């Protein structure tokens, strides 16, 4: 069953059944929760690594005012901030503030450089976990939009927490049960069998997501020295 309303409790119910404990006498929600969150962490990292479609996200419009030359994480004192679930940036685009024009991608730099001010932010670089632009900023307020790899699933707080990712049920069930079998039940043979089932489920998740992406034709960029600029603009 494919659903975004999957709860942590549903996963742990099925995991307990795989441990021959459907009443959850030994494998209670409390006992399983830490292992479910370990399974979620692994799934998130696998989805991020494969750039799987559930991790693709587009930010809201971020206003970068006059004198601003960076977008910071939420805990940073200086604003504006980028989304809290951002893992890796795929594209940074800009347009004039209040404009209905199309967002235009900015060039990425590996290291920060200073250029004369213009109406554009000109380029961006990812440095110290901050999105940085031309140190001189832009001569007019800008609107920025990010396309990024996001953290697709947040840790579960309890059995009512929503997992919220399509096709995650089988993998999380088998992976949670495998971890419980190994660390609670100390049953290595059962854990190995469950781990194999989890790996097969993960392969299916990645395969399904990749199959959907095959609908898009990819235009490969021609190789040229200026594609990734290290020096001049």
C-alpha atoms as a PDB file:
ATOM      1  CA  UNK A   1       0.000   0.000   0.000  1.00  0.00           C
ATOM      2  CA  UNK A   2       1.333   3.393  -1.001  1.00  0.00           C
ATOM      3  CA  UNK A   3       0.395   6.228   1.320  1.00  0.00           C
ATOM      4  CA  UNK A   4       1.681   9.435   2.872  1.00  0.00           C
ATOM      5  CA  UNK A   5      -0.425   8.905   6.023  1.00  0.00           C
ATOM      6  CA  UNK A   6       1.657   6.009   7.353  1.00  0.00           C
ATOM      7  CA  UNK A   7       2.159   6.290  11.113  1.00  0.00           C
ATOM      8  CA  UNK A   8       5.052   5.142  13.268  1.00  0.00           C
ATOM      9  CA  UNK A   9       2.613   2.892  15.142  1.00  0.00           C
ATOM     10  CA  UNK A  10       1.685   1.019  11.965  1.00  0.00           C
ATOM     11  CA  UNK A  11       5.344   0.308  11.266  1.00  0.00           C
ATOM     12  CA  UNK A  12       6.004  -0.850  14.819  1.00  0.00           C
ATOM     13  CA  UNK A  13       2.874  -3.044  14.845  1.00  0.00           C
ATOM     14  CA  UNK A  14       4.159  -4.875  11.787  1.00  0.00           C
ATOM     15  CA  UNK A  15       7.694  -5.014  13.164  1.00  0.00           C
ATOM     16  CA  UNK A  16       6.444  -6.628  16.378  1.00  0.00           C
ATOM     17  CA  UNK A  17       4.523  -9.194  14.318  1.00  0.00           C
ATOM     18  CA  UNK A  18       7.756 -10.114  12.520  1.00  0.00           C
ATOM     19  CA  UNK A  19       9.239 -10.750  15.972  1.00  0.00           C
ATOM     20  CA  UNK A  20       6.329 -13.088  16.827  1.00  0.00           C
ATOM     21  CA  UNK A  21       5.055 -10.547  19.339  1.00  0.00           C
ATOM     22  CA  UNK A  22       1.897  -9.023  17.785  1.00  0.00           C
ATOM     23  CA  UNK A  23       0.624  -8.047  21.250  1.00  0.00           C
ATOM     24  CA  UNK A  24       3.833  -6.040  21.739  1.00  0.00           C
ATOM     25  CA  UNK A  25       4.488  -7.635  25.126  1.00  0.00           C
ATOM     26  CA  UNK A  26       8.244  -7.331  24.746  1.00  0.00           C
ATOM     27  CA  UNK A  27       8.522  -5.166  21.633  1.00  0.00           C
ATOM     28  CA  UNK A  28       6.533  -2.228  22.899  1.00  0.00           C
ATOM     29  CA  UNK A  29       6.295   1.112  21.131  1.00  0.00           C
ATOM     30  CA  UNK A  30       8.708   2.569  23.665  1.00  0.00           C
ATOM     31  CA  UNK A  31      11.241  -0.215  23.099  1.00  0.00           C
ATOM     32  CA  UNK A  32      11.004  -0.012  19.309  1.00  0.00           C
ATOM     33  CA  UNK A  33      10.911   3.759  18.820  1.00  0.00           C
ATOM     34  CA  UNK A  34      14.668   4.378  18.969  1.00  0.00           C
ATOM     35  CA  UNK A  35      15.252   1.632  16.383  1.00  0.00           C
ATOM     36  CA  UNK A  36      12.499   2.969  14.125  1.00  0.00           C
ATOM     37  CA  UNK A  37      14.245   6.356  14.181  1.00  0.00           C
ATOM     38  CA  UNK A  38      17.556   4.679  13.297  1.00  0.00           C
ATOM     39  CA  UNK A  39      15.771   3.054  10.339  1.00  0.00           C
ATOM     40  CA  UNK A  40      14.314   6.438   9.328  1.00  0.00           C
ATOM     41  CA  UNK A  41      17.806   8.005   9.480  1.00  0.00           C
ATOM     42  CA  UNK A  42      19.181   5.314   7.167  1.00  0.00           C
ATOM     43  CA  UNK A  43      16.288   5.652   4.715  1.00  0.00           C
ATOM     44  CA  UNK A  44      16.685   9.443   4.626  1.00  0.00           C
ATOM     45  CA  UNK A  45      20.405   9.143   3.901  1.00  0.00           C
ATOM     46  CA  UNK A  46      19.775   6.600   1.144  1.00  0.00           C
ATOM     47  CA  UNK A  47      17.124   8.808  -0.487  1.00  0.00           C
ATOM     48  CA  UNK A  48      19.391  11.845  -0.270  1.00  0.00           C
ATOM     49  CA  UNK A  49      22.342   9.908  -1.689  1.00  0.00           C
ATOM     50  CA  UNK A  50      20.329   8.760  -4.690  1.00  0.00           C
ATOM     51  CA  UNK A  51      18.682  12.188  -5.147  1.00  0.00           C
ATOM     52  CA  UNK A  52      15.392  10.340  -5.032  1.00  0.00           C
ATOM     53  CA  UNK A  53      12.290  12.340  -5.930  1.00  0.00           C
ATOM     54  CA  UNK A  54      10.813  12.438  -2.379  1.00  0.00           C
ATOM     55  CA  UNK A  55      13.789  14.568  -1.342  1.00  0.00           C
ATOM     56  CA  UNK A  56      13.354  17.183  -4.091  1.00  0.00           C
ATOM     57  CA  UNK A  57      11.966  20.471  -2.781  1.00  0.00           C
ATOM     58  CA  UNK A  58      11.476  24.096  -3.858  1.00  0.00           C
ATOM     59  CA  UNK A  59      11.601  26.845  -1.258  1.00  0.00           C
ATOM     60  CA  UNK A  60       9.169  29.659  -0.754  1.00  0.00           C
ATOM     61  CA  UNK A  61      10.297  33.018  -2.124  1.00  0.00           C
ATOM     62  CA  UNK A  62      13.060  34.412   0.096  1.00  0.00           C
ATOM     63  CA  UNK A  63      13.433  38.193   0.204  1.00  0.00           C
ATOM     64  CA  UNK A  64      17.038  39.406   0.109  1.00  0.00           C
ATOM     65  CA  UNK A  65      16.981  43.104   0.901  1.00  0.00           C
ATOM     66  CA  UNK A  66      19.453  45.870   0.222  1.00  0.00           C
ATOM     67  CA  UNK A  67      22.725  45.310   2.013  1.00  0.00           C
ATOM     68  CA  UNK A  68      22.072  41.571   2.361  1.00  0.00           C
ATOM     69  CA  UNK A  69      24.563  39.178   0.802  1.00  0.00           C
ATOM     70  CA  UNK A  70      23.764  35.837   2.409  1.00  0.00           C
ATOM     71  CA  UNK A  71      21.015  33.374   3.387  1.00  0.00           C
ATOM     72  CA  UNK A  72      21.684  31.667   6.684  1.00  0.00           C
ATOM     73  CA  UNK A  73      20.497  28.631   8.703  1.00  0.00           C
ATOM     74  CA  UNK A  74      17.637  29.166  11.136  1.00  0.00           C
ATOM     75  CA  UNK A  75      19.875  29.271  14.217  1.00  0.00           C
ATOM     76  CA  UNK A  76      21.936  32.119  12.729  1.00  0.00           C
ATOM     77  CA  UNK A  77      21.199  35.610  14.089  1.00  0.00           C
ATOM     78  CA  UNK A  78      21.286  37.233  10.652  1.00  0.00           C
ATOM     79  CA  UNK A  79      18.324  36.902   8.301  1.00  0.00           C
ATOM     80  CA  UNK A  80      16.999  35.785   5.859  1.00  0.00           C
ATOM     81  CA  UNK A  81      17.048  32.045   6.585  1.00  0.00           C
ATOM     82  CA  UNK A  82      16.910  29.031   4.278  1.00  0.00           C
ATOM     83  CA  UNK A  83      14.496  26.105   4.980  1.00  0.00           C
ATOM     84  CA  UNK A  84      15.233  24.048   8.072  1.00  0.00           C
ATOM     85  CA  UNK A  85      15.047  20.771   6.109  1.00  0.00           C
ATOM     86  CA  UNK A  86      17.685  21.792   3.534  1.00  0.00           C
ATOM     87  CA  UNK A  87      20.414  19.182   3.033  1.00  0.00           C
ATOM     88  CA  UNK A  88      22.074  20.090  -0.277  1.00  0.00           C
ATOM     89  CA  UNK A  89      21.424  22.906  -2.752  1.00  0.00           C
ATOM     90  CA  UNK A  90      20.690  22.104  -6.385  1.00  0.00           C
ATOM     91  CA  UNK A  91      19.877  25.563  -7.758  1.00  0.00           C
ATOM     92  CA  UNK A  92      19.659  29.176  -6.590  1.00  0.00           C
ATOM     93  CA  UNK A  93      17.558  31.549  -8.708  1.00  0.00           C
ATOM     94  CA  UNK A  94      16.678  35.232  -8.403  1.00  0.00           C
ATOM     95  CA  UNK A  95      14.415  37.973  -9.711  1.00  0.00           C
ATOM     96  CA  UNK A  96      13.607  41.563  -8.725  1.00  0.00           C
ATOM     97  CA  UNK A  97      11.546  41.998  -5.573  1.00  0.00           C
ATOM     98  CA  UNK A  98       7.835  42.234  -6.328  1.00  0.00           C
ATOM     99  CA  UNK A  99       8.388  41.045  -9.892  1.00  0.00           C
ATOM    100  CA  UNK A 100       6.321  38.444 -11.711  1.00  0.00           C
ATOM    101  CA  UNK A 101       9.287  37.628 -13.953  1.00  0.00           C
ATOM    102  CA  UNK A 102      10.662  34.123 -14.192  1.00  0.00           C
ATOM    103  CA  UNK A 103      13.349  33.217 -11.688  1.00  0.00           C
ATOM    104  CA  UNK A 104      16.754  33.046 -13.371  1.00  0.00           C
ATOM    105  CA  UNK A 105      19.474  30.700 -12.043  1.00  0.00           C
ATOM    106  CA  UNK A 106      22.605  32.233 -10.561  1.00  0.00           C
ATOM    107  CA  UNK A 107      26.031  30.814 -11.300  1.00  0.00           C
ATOM    108  CA  UNK A 108      27.696  28.826  -8.555  1.00  0.00           C
ATOM    109  CA  UNK A 109      31.201  29.578  -7.318  1.00  0.00           C
ATOM    110  CA  UNK A 110      33.433  27.324  -5.292  1.00  0.00           C
ATOM    111  CA  UNK A 111      34.944  30.255  -3.405  1.00  0.00           C
ATOM    112  CA  UNK A 112      33.661  33.712  -2.584  1.00  0.00           C
ATOM    113  CA  UNK A 113      34.840  36.686  -4.672  1.00  0.00           C
ATOM    114  CA  UNK A 114      34.051  40.388  -4.638  1.00  0.00           C
ATOM    115  CA  UNK A 115      32.639  42.115  -7.721  1.00  0.00           C
ATOM    116  CA  UNK A 116      31.234  45.607  -8.353  1.00  0.00           C
ATOM    117  CA  UNK A 117      27.617  45.920  -7.294  1.00  0.00           C
ATOM    118  CA  UNK A 118      24.908  45.390  -9.906  1.00  0.00           C
ATOM    119  CA  UNK A 119      21.153  44.854  -9.758  1.00  0.00           C
ATOM    120  CA  UNK A 120      21.821  41.088  -9.596  1.00  0.00           C
ATOM    121  CA  UNK A 121      23.288  39.037  -6.763  1.00  0.00           C
ATOM    122  CA  UNK A 122      25.468  37.661  -9.605  1.00  0.00           C
ATOM    123  CA  UNK A 123      26.593  34.320  -8.126  1.00  0.00           C
ATOM    124  CA  UNK A 124      26.378  32.158  -5.036  1.00  0.00           C
ATOM    125  CA  UNK A 125      28.637  29.874  -3.088  1.00  0.00           C
ATOM    126  CA  UNK A 126      27.999  27.382  -0.273  1.00  0.00           C
ATOM    127  CA  UNK A 127      30.443  28.254   2.481  1.00  0.00           C
ATOM    128  CA  UNK A 128      30.294  27.499   6.224  1.00  0.00           C
ATOM    129  CA  UNK A 129      26.734  26.220   5.663  1.00  0.00           C
ATOM    130  CA  UNK A 130      25.709  29.690   4.502  1.00  0.00           C
ATOM    131  CA  UNK A 131      24.545  30.663   0.998  1.00  0.00           C
ATOM    132  CA  UNK A 132      26.754  33.629   0.146  1.00  0.00           C
ATOM    133  CA  UNK A 133      26.427  36.094  -2.739  1.00  0.00           C
ATOM    134  CA  UNK A 134      28.641  38.875  -4.115  1.00  0.00           C
ATOM    135  CA  UNK A 135      29.926  40.561  -0.913  1.00  0.00           C
ATOM    136  CA  UNK A 136      28.723  43.909  -2.286  1.00  0.00           C
ATOM    137  CA  UNK A 137      25.179  42.584  -2.549  1.00  0.00           C
ATOM    138  CA  UNK A 138      22.760  43.866  -5.194  1.00  0.00           C
ATOM    139  CA  UNK A 139      21.755  47.452  -5.951  1.00  0.00           C
ATOM    140  CA  UNK A 140      18.060  46.551  -5.645  1.00  0.00           C
ATOM    141  CA  UNK A 141      16.105  44.161  -3.398  1.00  0.00           C
ATOM    142  CA  UNK A 142      15.957  40.635  -4.803  1.00  0.00           C
ATOM    143  CA  UNK A 143      13.740  37.576  -4.436  1.00  0.00           C
ATOM    144  CA  UNK A 144      15.502  34.221  -4.265  1.00  0.00           C
ATOM    145  CA  UNK A 145      14.143  30.720  -4.700  1.00  0.00           C
ATOM    146  CA  UNK A 146      16.029  27.527  -3.851  1.00  0.00           C
ATOM    147  CA  UNK A 147      15.754  24.078  -5.372  1.00  0.00           C
ATOM    148  CA  UNK A 148      17.293  21.644  -2.951  1.00  0.00           C
ATOM    149  CA  UNK A 149      17.616  18.171  -1.522  1.00  0.00           C
ATOM    150  CA  UNK A 150      15.481  18.041   1.604  1.00  0.00           C
ATOM    151  CA  UNK A 151      15.298  15.797   4.626  1.00  0.00           C
ATOM    152  CA  UNK A 152      12.305  13.764   3.489  1.00  0.00           C
ATOM    153  CA  UNK A 153      11.313  12.179   6.816  1.00  0.00           C
ATOM    154  CA  UNK A 154      11.580  13.633  10.302  1.00  0.00           C
ATOM    155  CA  UNK A 155      12.215  11.415  13.346  1.00  0.00           C
ATOM    156  CA  UNK A 156       9.122   9.943  14.998  1.00  0.00           C
ATOM    157  CA  UNK A 157       8.256  11.322  18.449  1.00  0.00           C
ATOM    158  CA  UNK A 158       5.777   8.544  19.302  1.00  0.00           C
ATOM    159  CA  UNK A 159       3.489   5.964  17.696  1.00  0.00           C
ATOM    160  CA  UNK A 160       1.117   8.622  16.320  1.00  0.00           C
ATOM    161  CA  UNK A 161       3.826  10.446  14.327  1.00  0.00           C
ATOM    162  CA  UNK A 162       3.229  10.567  10.574  1.00  0.00           C
ATOM    163  CA  UNK A 163       6.052   9.097   8.464  1.00  0.00           C
ATOM    164  CA  UNK A 164       4.703  10.839   5.380  1.00  0.00           C
ATOM    165  CA  UNK A 165       6.731   9.172   2.615  1.00  0.00           C
ATOM    166  CA  UNK A 166       5.182   6.985  -0.085  1.00  0.00           C
ATOM    167  CA  UNK A 167       6.468   3.397  -0.238  1.00  0.00           C
ATOM    168  CA  UNK A 168       8.382   3.628   3.065  1.00  0.00           C
ATOM    169  CA  UNK A 169       6.239   1.015   4.884  1.00  0.00           C
ATOM    170  CA  UNK A 170       8.024  -2.205   3.907  1.00  0.00           C
ATOM    171  CA  UNK A 171      11.556  -0.914   4.318  1.00  0.00           C
ATOM    172  CA  UNK A 172      10.924   0.692   7.695  1.00  0.00           C
ATOM    173  CA  UNK A 173       9.089  -2.408   8.939  1.00  0.00           C
ATOM    174  CA  UNK A 174      11.869  -4.810   8.001  1.00  0.00           C
ATOM    175  CA  UNK A 175      14.685  -2.463   9.055  1.00  0.00           C
ATOM    176  CA  UNK A 176      13.103  -1.706  12.437  1.00  0.00           C
ATOM    177  CA  UNK A 177      12.490  -5.410  13.047  1.00  0.00           C
ATOM    178  CA  UNK A 178      16.075  -6.239  12.035  1.00  0.00           C
ATOM    179  CA  UNK A 179      17.497  -3.731  14.505  1.00  0.00           C
ATOM    180  CA  UNK A 180      15.161  -4.931  17.252  1.00  0.00           C
ATOM    181  CA  UNK A 181      16.071  -8.556  16.567  1.00  0.00           C
ATOM    182  CA  UNK A 182      19.773  -7.734  16.781  1.00  0.00           C
ATOM    183  CA  UNK A 183      19.845  -5.366  19.735  1.00  0.00           C
ATOM    184  CA  UNK A 184      16.816  -6.358  21.816  1.00  0.00           C
ATOM    185  CA  UNK A 185      16.308 -10.011  20.975  1.00  0.00           C
ATOM    186  CA  UNK A 186      20.002 -10.707  20.323  1.00  0.00           C
ATOM    187  CA  UNK A 187      18.822 -13.009  17.528  1.00  0.00           C
ATOM    188  CA  UNK A 188      21.468 -12.581  14.824  1.00  0.00           C
ATOM    189  CA  UNK A 189      20.063 -15.119  12.301  1.00  0.00           C
ATOM    190  CA  UNK A 190      16.619 -13.471  12.381  1.00  0.00           C
ATOM    191  CA  UNK A 191      18.224 -10.036  12.136  1.00  0.00           C
ATOM    192  CA  UNK A 192      20.192 -11.106   9.046  1.00  0.00           C
ATOM    193  CA  UNK A 193      17.067 -12.383   7.290  1.00  0.00           C
ATOM    194  CA  UNK A 194      15.143  -9.206   8.113  1.00  0.00           C
ATOM    195  CA  UNK A 195      18.060  -7.050   6.953  1.00  0.00           C
ATOM    196  CA  UNK A 196      18.019  -8.820   3.582  1.00  0.00           C
ATOM    197  CA  UNK A 197      14.300  -8.080   3.269  1.00  0.00           C
ATOM    198  CA  UNK A 198      14.960  -4.429   4.148  1.00  0.00           C
ATOM    199  CA  UNK A 199      17.645  -4.148   1.467  1.00  0.00           C
ATOM    200  CA  UNK A 200      15.281  -5.595  -1.145  1.00  0.00           C
ATOM    201  CA  UNK A 201      12.603  -3.104  -0.123  1.00  0.00           C
ATOM    202  CA  UNK A 202      15.096  -0.254  -0.385  1.00  0.00           C
ATOM    203  CA  UNK A 203      16.105  -1.368  -3.872  1.00  0.00           C
ATOM    204  CA  UNK A 204      12.435  -1.264  -4.881  1.00  0.00           C
ATOM    205  CA  UNK A 205      11.963   2.238  -3.462  1.00  0.00           C
ATOM    206  CA  UNK A 206      14.990   3.581  -5.343  1.00  0.00           C
ATOM    207  CA  UNK A 207      13.975   1.703  -8.501  1.00  0.00           C
ATOM    208  CA  UNK A 208      10.424   3.070  -8.452  1.00  0.00           C
ATOM    209  CA  UNK A 209      11.643   6.622  -7.930  1.00  0.00           C
ATOM    210  CA  UNK A 210      14.255   6.326 -10.675  1.00  0.00           C
ATOM    211  CA  UNK A 211      11.652   4.885 -13.035  1.00  0.00           C
ATOM    212  CA  UNK A 212       9.484   7.960 -12.539  1.00  0.00           C
ATOM    213  CA  UNK A 213      12.426  10.248 -13.307  1.00  0.00           C
ATOM    214  CA  UNK A 214      13.063   8.467 -16.616  1.00  0.00           C
ATOM    215  CA  UNK A 215      10.048  10.333 -18.015  1.00  0.00           C
ATOM    216  CA  UNK A 216      12.171  13.483 -18.109  1.00  0.00           C
ATOM    217  CA  UNK A 217      14.599  13.925 -20.954  1.00  0.00           C
ATOM    218  CA  UNK A 218      17.966  15.102 -19.694  1.00  0.00           C
ATOM    219  CA  UNK A 219      20.004  17.508 -21.774  1.00  0.00           C
ATOM    220  CA  UNK A 220      23.638  16.961 -20.920  1.00  0.00           C
ATOM    221  CA  UNK A 221      25.674  20.150 -20.629  1.00  0.00           C
ATOM    222  CA  UNK A 222      28.573  20.287 -23.089  1.00  0.00           C
ATOM    223  CA  UNK A 223      31.906  20.199 -21.384  1.00  0.00           C
ATOM    224  CA  UNK A 224      33.550  23.594 -21.217  1.00  0.00           C
ATOM    225  CA  UNK A 225      36.075  25.070 -18.871  1.00  0.00           C
ATOM    226  CA  UNK A 226      33.728  27.854 -17.792  1.00  0.00           C
ATOM    227  CA  UNK A 227      30.965  25.497 -16.636  1.00  0.00           C
ATOM    228  CA  UNK A 228      32.351  25.394 -13.117  1.00  0.00           C
ATOM    229  CA  UNK A 229      34.097  28.688 -12.567  1.00  0.00           C
ATOM    230  CA  UNK A 230      36.924  28.833 -10.111  1.00  0.00           C
ATOM    231  CA  UNK A 231      38.362  32.137 -11.285  1.00  0.00           C
ATOM    232  CA  UNK A 232      36.845  35.064 -13.167  1.00  0.00           C
ATOM    233  CA  UNK A 233      33.109  35.623 -13.494  1.00  0.00           C
END
